[in-house]
N, C-alpha and C. Protein backbone atom coordinates (compact mmCIF):
# COMPACT_ATOMS: atom_id res chain seq x y z
N MET A 1 0.79 -1.15 0.13
CA MET A 1 0.21 -0.10 0.04
C MET A 1 0.97 1.28 -0.07
N ALA A 2 1.95 1.34 0.87
CA ALA A 2 3.00 2.34 0.87
C ALA A 2 3.68 2.60 -0.52
N GLU A 3 4.16 1.44 -1.12
CA GLU A 3 4.71 1.66 -2.24
C GLU A 3 3.90 2.26 -3.35
N ALA A 4 2.78 1.72 -3.33
CA ALA A 4 1.83 2.21 -4.46
C ALA A 4 1.42 3.66 -4.27
N SER A 5 1.70 4.27 -3.11
CA SER A 5 1.20 5.58 -2.57
C SER A 5 2.42 6.56 -3.02
N LEU A 6 3.33 6.12 -3.48
CA LEU A 6 4.59 7.11 -3.80
C LEU A 6 4.27 7.95 -5.05
N PRO A 7 4.21 9.43 -4.91
CA PRO A 7 3.95 10.36 -5.91
C PRO A 7 4.89 10.32 -6.94
N ASP A 8 6.38 10.03 -6.67
CA ASP A 8 7.41 10.24 -7.77
C ASP A 8 8.11 8.95 -7.84
N SER A 9 8.71 8.83 -9.14
CA SER A 9 9.52 7.54 -9.30
C SER A 9 10.94 7.43 -8.58
N ASP A 10 11.23 8.58 -8.02
CA ASP A 10 12.64 8.61 -7.31
C ASP A 10 12.66 8.43 -5.98
N LEU A 11 11.15 8.29 -5.58
CA LEU A 11 11.01 8.15 -4.03
C LEU A 11 10.98 6.62 -3.72
N PHE A 12 11.27 6.17 -2.61
CA PHE A 12 11.16 4.74 -1.98
C PHE A 12 10.85 4.49 -0.60
N ILE A 13 10.16 3.50 -0.27
CA ILE A 13 9.89 3.40 1.14
C ILE A 13 11.01 2.74 1.77
N VAL A 14 11.40 3.37 3.08
CA VAL A 14 12.45 2.76 3.77
C VAL A 14 12.01 1.91 5.00
N ASP A 15 10.75 2.29 5.58
CA ASP A 15 10.31 1.34 6.53
C ASP A 15 8.82 1.58 6.83
N VAL A 16 8.13 0.40 7.17
CA VAL A 16 6.77 0.62 7.77
C VAL A 16 6.80 0.00 8.98
N ALA A 17 6.04 0.49 9.96
CA ALA A 17 5.98 -0.09 11.22
C ALA A 17 4.59 0.14 11.85
N VAL A 18 3.99 -0.94 12.35
CA VAL A 18 2.67 -0.92 12.88
C VAL A 18 2.61 -1.08 14.35
N SER A 19 2.13 -0.35 15.11
CA SER A 19 2.19 -0.78 16.69
C SER A 19 1.10 -1.75 16.76
N ASP A 20 1.25 -2.35 17.86
CA ASP A 20 0.29 -3.72 18.24
C ASP A 20 -0.82 -3.10 19.03
N SER A 21 -1.07 -1.74 19.19
CA SER A 21 -2.25 -1.36 19.92
C SER A 21 -3.61 -1.65 19.17
N ALA A 22 -4.40 -2.49 19.95
CA ALA A 22 -5.65 -3.04 19.18
C ALA A 22 -6.67 -1.96 19.17
N VAL A 23 -6.56 -0.94 20.17
CA VAL A 23 -7.43 0.24 20.12
C VAL A 23 -7.23 1.27 18.91
N ARG A 24 -6.14 1.64 18.81
CA ARG A 24 -5.83 2.68 17.79
C ARG A 24 -4.41 2.53 17.29
N PRO A 25 -4.15 1.56 16.41
CA PRO A 25 -2.74 1.33 15.95
C PRO A 25 -2.10 2.60 15.40
N LYS A 26 -0.77 2.73 15.48
CA LYS A 26 0.05 3.82 14.86
C LYS A 26 0.85 3.09 13.76
N ILE A 27 0.44 3.65 12.59
CA ILE A 27 1.27 3.24 11.44
C ILE A 27 2.43 4.42 11.07
N THR A 28 3.61 3.96 11.03
CA THR A 28 4.63 4.90 10.70
C THR A 28 5.29 4.30 9.48
N VAL A 29 5.24 5.30 8.40
CA VAL A 29 5.77 5.10 7.17
C VAL A 29 7.14 6.10 6.89
N LEU A 30 8.38 5.57 6.65
CA LEU A 30 9.48 6.46 6.41
C LEU A 30 9.68 6.19 4.89
N ALA A 31 9.78 7.36 4.28
CA ALA A 31 10.06 7.38 2.72
C ALA A 31 11.28 8.17 2.59
N ASP A 32 11.88 8.10 1.35
CA ASP A 32 12.95 9.00 1.09
C ASP A 32 13.12 8.90 -0.50
N GLY A 33 14.03 9.81 -0.79
CA GLY A 33 14.28 9.82 -2.40
C GLY A 33 15.73 10.05 -2.80
N GLU A 34 16.03 9.85 -3.88
CA GLU A 34 17.45 10.06 -4.46
C GLU A 34 17.89 11.26 -4.21
N GLN A 35 16.96 12.35 -4.18
CA GLN A 35 17.27 13.78 -3.88
C GLN A 35 16.61 14.26 -2.53
N GLY A 36 16.41 13.38 -1.56
CA GLY A 36 15.63 13.65 -0.42
C GLY A 36 14.14 13.70 -0.81
N ILE A 37 13.40 14.14 0.19
CA ILE A 37 11.86 14.04 0.28
C ILE A 37 11.41 15.33 0.74
N THR A 38 10.28 15.89 0.06
CA THR A 38 9.74 17.11 0.83
C THR A 38 8.56 16.86 1.60
N ILE A 39 8.24 17.86 2.38
CA ILE A 39 6.93 17.66 3.27
C ILE A 39 5.81 17.57 2.19
N ASP A 40 5.73 18.16 1.15
CA ASP A 40 4.51 17.97 0.29
C ASP A 40 4.43 16.55 -0.19
N GLN A 41 5.70 16.09 -0.34
CA GLN A 41 5.43 14.56 -0.88
C GLN A 41 5.20 13.78 0.01
N CYS A 42 5.50 13.98 1.35
CA CYS A 42 5.16 13.12 2.68
C CYS A 42 3.73 13.20 2.74
N ALA A 43 2.99 14.47 2.50
CA ALA A 43 1.51 14.79 2.62
C ALA A 43 0.78 13.81 1.71
N THR A 44 1.38 13.87 0.40
CA THR A 44 0.69 13.33 -0.64
C THR A 44 0.66 11.77 -0.35
N ILE A 45 1.86 11.20 0.25
CA ILE A 45 1.82 9.88 0.51
C ILE A 45 0.86 9.58 1.57
N SER A 46 0.78 10.35 2.58
CA SER A 46 -0.26 10.06 3.71
C SER A 46 -1.57 10.27 3.20
N ARG A 47 -2.10 11.04 2.25
CA ARG A 47 -3.37 11.15 1.74
C ARG A 47 -3.74 9.97 0.99
N ARG A 48 -2.69 9.46 0.18
CA ARG A 48 -3.01 8.31 -0.64
C ARG A 48 -3.09 6.95 0.12
N ILE A 49 -2.32 6.83 1.11
CA ILE A 49 -2.49 5.75 2.08
C ILE A 49 -3.83 5.82 2.86
N ASN A 50 -3.99 6.91 3.32
CA ASN A 50 -5.50 7.16 4.06
C ASN A 50 -6.47 6.80 3.01
N LYS A 51 -6.60 7.18 1.93
CA LYS A 51 -7.70 6.82 1.00
C LYS A 51 -7.63 5.19 0.71
N ARG A 52 -6.55 4.65 0.56
CA ARG A 52 -6.43 3.13 0.35
C ARG A 52 -6.81 2.45 1.51
N ILE A 53 -6.44 2.94 2.71
CA ILE A 53 -7.12 2.01 3.88
C ILE A 53 -8.57 2.29 4.13
N GLU A 54 -9.17 3.47 3.80
CA GLU A 54 -10.64 3.68 3.79
C GLU A 54 -11.23 2.75 2.61
N GLU A 55 -10.56 2.50 1.44
CA GLU A 55 -11.23 1.68 0.49
C GLU A 55 -11.20 0.27 1.04
N THR A 56 -10.36 -0.13 1.54
CA THR A 56 -10.08 -1.73 1.89
C THR A 56 -10.60 -1.98 3.12
N GLU A 57 -10.60 -1.10 4.30
CA GLU A 57 -11.12 -1.40 5.61
C GLU A 57 -12.27 -0.63 6.06
N GLY A 58 -12.75 0.27 5.18
CA GLY A 58 -13.95 1.16 5.58
C GLY A 58 -13.56 2.31 6.37
N GLU A 59 -14.46 3.32 6.42
CA GLU A 59 -14.16 4.71 6.98
C GLU A 59 -14.08 4.67 8.60
N GLU A 60 -14.81 3.66 9.10
CA GLU A 60 -14.85 3.60 10.51
C GLU A 60 -13.60 3.00 11.36
N VAL A 61 -12.58 2.43 10.65
CA VAL A 61 -11.37 1.93 11.18
C VAL A 61 -10.63 3.18 11.70
N SER A 62 -10.05 2.98 12.93
CA SER A 62 -9.45 3.98 13.69
C SER A 62 -7.92 3.63 13.79
N TYR A 63 -6.97 4.74 13.36
CA TYR A 63 -5.57 4.52 13.45
C TYR A 63 -4.89 5.85 13.39
N VAL A 64 -3.69 5.78 13.64
CA VAL A 64 -2.72 7.12 13.43
C VAL A 64 -1.83 6.77 12.44
N LEU A 65 -1.70 7.79 11.50
CA LEU A 65 -0.77 7.45 10.39
C LEU A 65 0.10 8.55 10.33
N GLU A 66 1.47 8.21 10.28
CA GLU A 66 2.53 9.29 10.30
C GLU A 66 3.53 8.87 9.25
N VAL A 67 3.77 9.91 8.19
CA VAL A 67 4.68 9.76 7.14
C VAL A 67 5.75 10.63 7.18
N SER A 68 6.92 10.22 7.19
CA SER A 68 7.98 11.28 7.33
C SER A 68 9.41 10.64 6.73
N SER A 69 10.38 11.47 6.66
CA SER A 69 11.62 10.95 6.19
C SER A 69 12.53 10.25 7.37
N PRO A 70 13.25 9.24 7.12
CA PRO A 70 14.12 8.94 8.37
C PRO A 70 15.01 9.93 8.73
N GLY A 71 15.15 10.10 10.01
CA GLY A 71 16.02 11.12 10.62
C GLY A 71 17.49 10.75 10.59
N VAL A 72 18.14 11.61 10.88
CA VAL A 72 19.79 11.36 10.75
C VAL A 72 20.24 10.18 11.66
N ASP A 73 19.41 9.85 12.75
CA ASP A 73 19.70 8.79 13.65
C ASP A 73 19.29 7.34 13.04
N PHE A 74 18.45 7.53 12.00
CA PHE A 74 17.84 6.16 11.46
C PHE A 74 19.06 5.63 10.70
N PRO A 75 19.11 4.25 10.89
CA PRO A 75 20.14 3.65 10.12
C PRO A 75 19.90 3.53 8.61
N LEU A 76 20.89 3.61 7.87
CA LEU A 76 20.90 3.21 6.35
C LEU A 76 20.41 1.80 6.20
N THR A 77 19.38 1.45 5.31
CA THR A 77 19.02 0.19 5.18
C THR A 77 19.07 -0.38 3.64
N GLN A 78 18.99 0.66 2.86
CA GLN A 78 18.92 0.27 1.33
C GLN A 78 20.09 0.71 0.51
N PRO A 79 20.33 0.10 -0.56
CA PRO A 79 21.56 0.71 -1.37
C PRO A 79 21.11 1.97 -1.93
N LYS A 80 19.93 2.53 -2.13
CA LYS A 80 19.63 3.94 -2.59
C LYS A 80 19.98 4.88 -1.50
N GLN A 81 19.84 4.56 -0.17
CA GLN A 81 20.18 5.36 0.79
C GLN A 81 21.74 5.41 0.96
N PHE A 82 22.37 4.53 0.72
CA PHE A 82 23.83 4.53 0.82
C PHE A 82 24.37 5.32 -0.35
N LYS A 83 23.89 5.27 -1.62
CA LYS A 83 24.14 5.92 -2.65
C LYS A 83 24.18 7.42 -2.48
N ARG A 84 23.03 7.97 -1.86
CA ARG A 84 22.81 9.22 -1.70
C ARG A 84 23.63 9.85 -0.58
N ASN A 85 24.61 9.01 0.26
CA ASN A 85 25.37 9.46 1.31
C ASN A 85 26.79 9.22 0.84
N THR A 86 27.10 8.90 -0.43
CA THR A 86 28.40 8.81 -0.98
C THR A 86 29.21 9.99 -0.71
N GLY A 87 30.26 9.82 -0.16
CA GLY A 87 31.17 10.96 0.30
C GLY A 87 31.15 11.29 1.73
N ARG A 88 30.12 10.72 2.25
CA ARG A 88 30.03 11.06 3.63
C ARG A 88 30.54 9.82 4.72
N ASN A 89 30.79 10.31 5.84
CA ASN A 89 31.42 9.39 6.78
C ASN A 89 30.36 8.38 7.40
N LEU A 90 30.58 7.04 7.56
CA LEU A 90 29.68 6.07 8.08
C LEU A 90 30.38 5.37 9.33
N LYS A 91 29.58 4.89 10.16
CA LYS A 91 29.90 4.02 11.12
C LYS A 91 29.08 2.79 10.84
N LEU A 92 29.72 1.47 10.80
CA LEU A 92 29.07 0.45 10.45
C LEU A 92 29.37 -0.57 11.72
N LYS A 93 28.30 -1.24 11.86
CA LYS A 93 28.32 -2.33 12.90
C LYS A 93 28.38 -3.57 11.96
N MET A 94 29.25 -4.46 12.15
CA MET A 94 29.32 -5.69 11.28
C MET A 94 28.78 -6.86 12.11
N GLN A 95 28.63 -8.04 11.13
CA GLN A 95 28.15 -9.30 11.69
C GLN A 95 28.88 -9.83 12.71
N ASP A 96 30.27 -9.65 12.69
CA ASP A 96 31.09 -10.37 13.72
C ASP A 96 31.28 -9.42 14.97
N GLY A 97 30.48 -8.27 15.03
CA GLY A 97 30.63 -7.48 16.22
C GLY A 97 31.62 -6.42 16.16
N THR A 98 32.41 -6.17 15.24
CA THR A 98 33.33 -5.33 15.16
C THR A 98 32.67 -4.04 14.54
N GLU A 99 33.35 -2.82 14.63
CA GLU A 99 32.75 -1.67 14.16
C GLU A 99 33.86 -1.11 12.93
N LYS A 100 33.12 -0.48 11.81
CA LYS A 100 34.44 0.23 10.95
C LYS A 100 33.65 1.60 10.73
N THR A 101 34.50 2.69 10.65
CA THR A 101 34.19 3.96 10.50
C THR A 101 35.16 4.42 9.24
N GLY A 102 34.49 5.09 8.34
CA GLY A 102 35.30 5.69 7.31
C GLY A 102 34.36 6.32 6.21
N LYS A 103 34.92 6.84 5.11
CA LYS A 103 34.22 7.65 4.24
C LYS A 103 33.77 6.72 3.11
N LEU A 104 32.46 6.84 2.74
CA LEU A 104 31.74 6.00 1.81
C LEU A 104 32.20 6.52 0.31
N GLU A 105 33.04 5.67 -0.27
CA GLU A 105 33.68 5.91 -1.62
C GLU A 105 32.70 5.73 -2.66
N GLU A 106 32.04 4.49 -2.66
CA GLU A 106 31.26 4.00 -3.84
C GLU A 106 30.13 2.98 -3.29
N VAL A 107 28.95 2.84 -3.89
CA VAL A 107 28.22 1.87 -3.65
C VAL A 107 28.07 0.94 -4.98
N THR A 108 28.34 -0.35 -4.81
CA THR A 108 28.25 -1.43 -5.83
C THR A 108 26.99 -2.09 -5.72
N GLU A 109 26.71 -2.96 -6.61
CA GLU A 109 25.36 -3.81 -6.53
C GLU A 109 25.43 -4.85 -5.33
N THR A 110 26.66 -5.18 -4.96
CA THR A 110 26.80 -5.95 -3.83
C THR A 110 27.24 -5.60 -2.42
N GLY A 111 27.64 -4.31 -2.40
CA GLY A 111 28.27 -3.63 -1.24
C GLY A 111 28.75 -2.22 -1.16
N LEU A 112 29.56 -1.97 -0.38
CA LEU A 112 30.38 -0.57 -0.11
C LEU A 112 31.72 -0.73 -0.47
N ASN A 113 32.10 0.43 -0.98
CA ASN A 113 33.68 0.62 -0.94
C ASN A 113 33.91 1.71 -0.02
N LEU A 114 34.54 1.24 1.11
CA LEU A 114 34.68 2.45 2.07
C LEU A 114 36.25 2.66 2.35
N MET A 115 36.51 3.96 2.65
CA MET A 115 37.95 4.39 2.90
C MET A 115 38.03 4.26 4.51
N GLU A 116 38.42 3.08 4.81
CA GLU A 116 38.04 3.00 6.44
C GLU A 116 39.29 3.60 7.27
N GLU A 117 38.81 4.20 8.33
CA GLU A 117 39.80 4.84 9.25
C GLU A 117 40.23 3.74 10.19
N VAL A 118 41.67 3.68 10.34
CA VAL A 118 42.29 2.90 10.95
C VAL A 118 43.05 3.74 12.09
N LYS A 119 42.85 3.61 13.33
CA LYS A 119 43.72 4.33 14.46
C LYS A 119 44.45 3.44 15.15
N GLN A 120 45.63 3.92 15.40
CA GLN A 120 46.55 3.31 16.19
C GLN A 120 47.21 4.27 17.26
N LYS A 121 47.25 3.52 18.41
CA LYS A 121 47.71 4.54 19.62
C LYS A 121 49.03 5.15 19.28
N GLY A 122 48.98 6.66 19.60
CA GLY A 122 50.16 7.46 19.53
C GLY A 122 50.47 7.77 17.97
N LYS A 123 49.52 7.21 17.12
CA LYS A 123 50.01 7.59 15.53
C LYS A 123 48.66 8.24 15.02
N LYS A 124 48.94 9.05 14.09
CA LYS A 124 47.94 9.76 13.24
C LYS A 124 47.12 8.52 12.46
N ALA A 125 45.74 8.75 12.35
CA ALA A 125 44.98 7.75 11.64
C ALA A 125 45.41 7.58 10.29
N THR A 126 45.24 6.31 9.79
CA THR A 126 45.61 5.97 8.37
C THR A 126 44.11 5.56 7.74
N TYR A 127 44.26 5.46 6.30
CA TYR A 127 42.88 5.20 5.70
C TYR A 127 43.18 4.18 4.81
N VAL A 128 42.32 3.01 4.81
CA VAL A 128 42.77 2.07 4.16
C VAL A 128 41.32 1.60 3.34
N PRO A 129 41.49 1.35 1.89
CA PRO A 129 40.37 1.01 1.13
C PRO A 129 39.87 -0.41 1.34
N VAL A 130 38.48 -0.49 1.79
CA VAL A 130 38.02 -1.95 2.02
C VAL A 130 36.61 -2.13 1.21
N GLN A 131 36.46 -3.18 0.76
CA GLN A 131 35.04 -3.55 0.23
C GLN A 131 34.23 -4.31 1.22
N ILE A 132 32.94 -3.79 1.47
CA ILE A 132 32.16 -4.47 2.50
C ILE A 132 30.71 -5.00 1.82
N PRO A 133 30.62 -6.23 1.71
CA PRO A 133 29.23 -6.89 1.31
C PRO A 133 28.13 -6.35 2.06
N PHE A 134 27.09 -5.98 1.65
CA PHE A 134 25.85 -5.61 2.35
C PHE A 134 25.38 -6.48 3.33
N GLY A 135 25.52 -7.90 3.19
CA GLY A 135 25.27 -8.85 3.98
C GLY A 135 26.01 -8.81 5.23
N ASP A 136 27.17 -8.41 5.34
CA ASP A 136 28.20 -8.24 6.63
C ASP A 136 27.99 -7.08 7.40
N ILE A 137 26.90 -6.12 7.00
CA ILE A 137 26.65 -4.92 7.71
C ILE A 137 25.34 -5.31 8.58
N VAL A 138 25.36 -5.12 9.95
CA VAL A 138 24.18 -5.23 10.86
C VAL A 138 23.51 -3.87 10.75
N LYS A 139 24.27 -2.79 10.92
CA LYS A 139 23.85 -1.31 11.20
C LYS A 139 24.77 -0.23 10.73
N ALA A 140 24.25 0.58 9.86
CA ALA A 140 24.95 1.73 9.30
C ALA A 140 24.51 2.99 9.39
N ASN A 141 25.27 3.84 10.17
CA ASN A 141 24.75 5.24 10.38
C ASN A 141 25.75 6.24 9.65
N VAL A 142 25.13 7.32 9.36
CA VAL A 142 25.84 8.35 8.84
C VAL A 142 26.58 9.22 10.18
N VAL A 143 27.71 9.45 10.00
CA VAL A 143 28.46 10.21 11.10
C VAL A 143 28.34 11.80 10.90
N ILE A 144 27.67 12.25 11.94
CA ILE A 144 27.65 13.84 11.74
C ILE A 144 28.55 14.42 12.20
N SER A 145 29.06 15.36 11.71
CA SER A 145 30.31 16.16 11.92
C SER A 145 29.82 17.62 12.07
N PHE A 146 30.37 18.21 13.09
CA PHE A 146 30.13 19.74 13.33
C PHE A 146 31.30 20.59 13.15
N LYS A 147 32.41 20.00 12.40
CA LYS A 147 33.64 20.80 12.33
C LYS A 147 33.31 21.82 11.21
């Protein structure tokens, strides 16, 4: 339903969550775009989803619908999100429990090319190119810098 409600072809659904409240469930839809997403686009998605819910469930169904873009703290989950953040620093939590931090250089069909920051005690950080398959990543966040 959310996918079918997208107003533009460059937009995509990042996440859909439905609370388990029986009285008035909350439906949260996170959408993004290759160039970001506007408030007007979020409003259009919301109206379209509301209309589809009314058509399938009836007007008497009670729910709360929230459509927004994923915030800075929301992990990157899709290749399109990674591509949009090429050139930015990422912090990755890996399947083996380790963490990697570095600049996202390129997104391929199978994973990421990252310029990983390697820190050693008493020495200046060095940067090493690494290829990371999407399947090895548990969580990926953009590192915000205020420098």
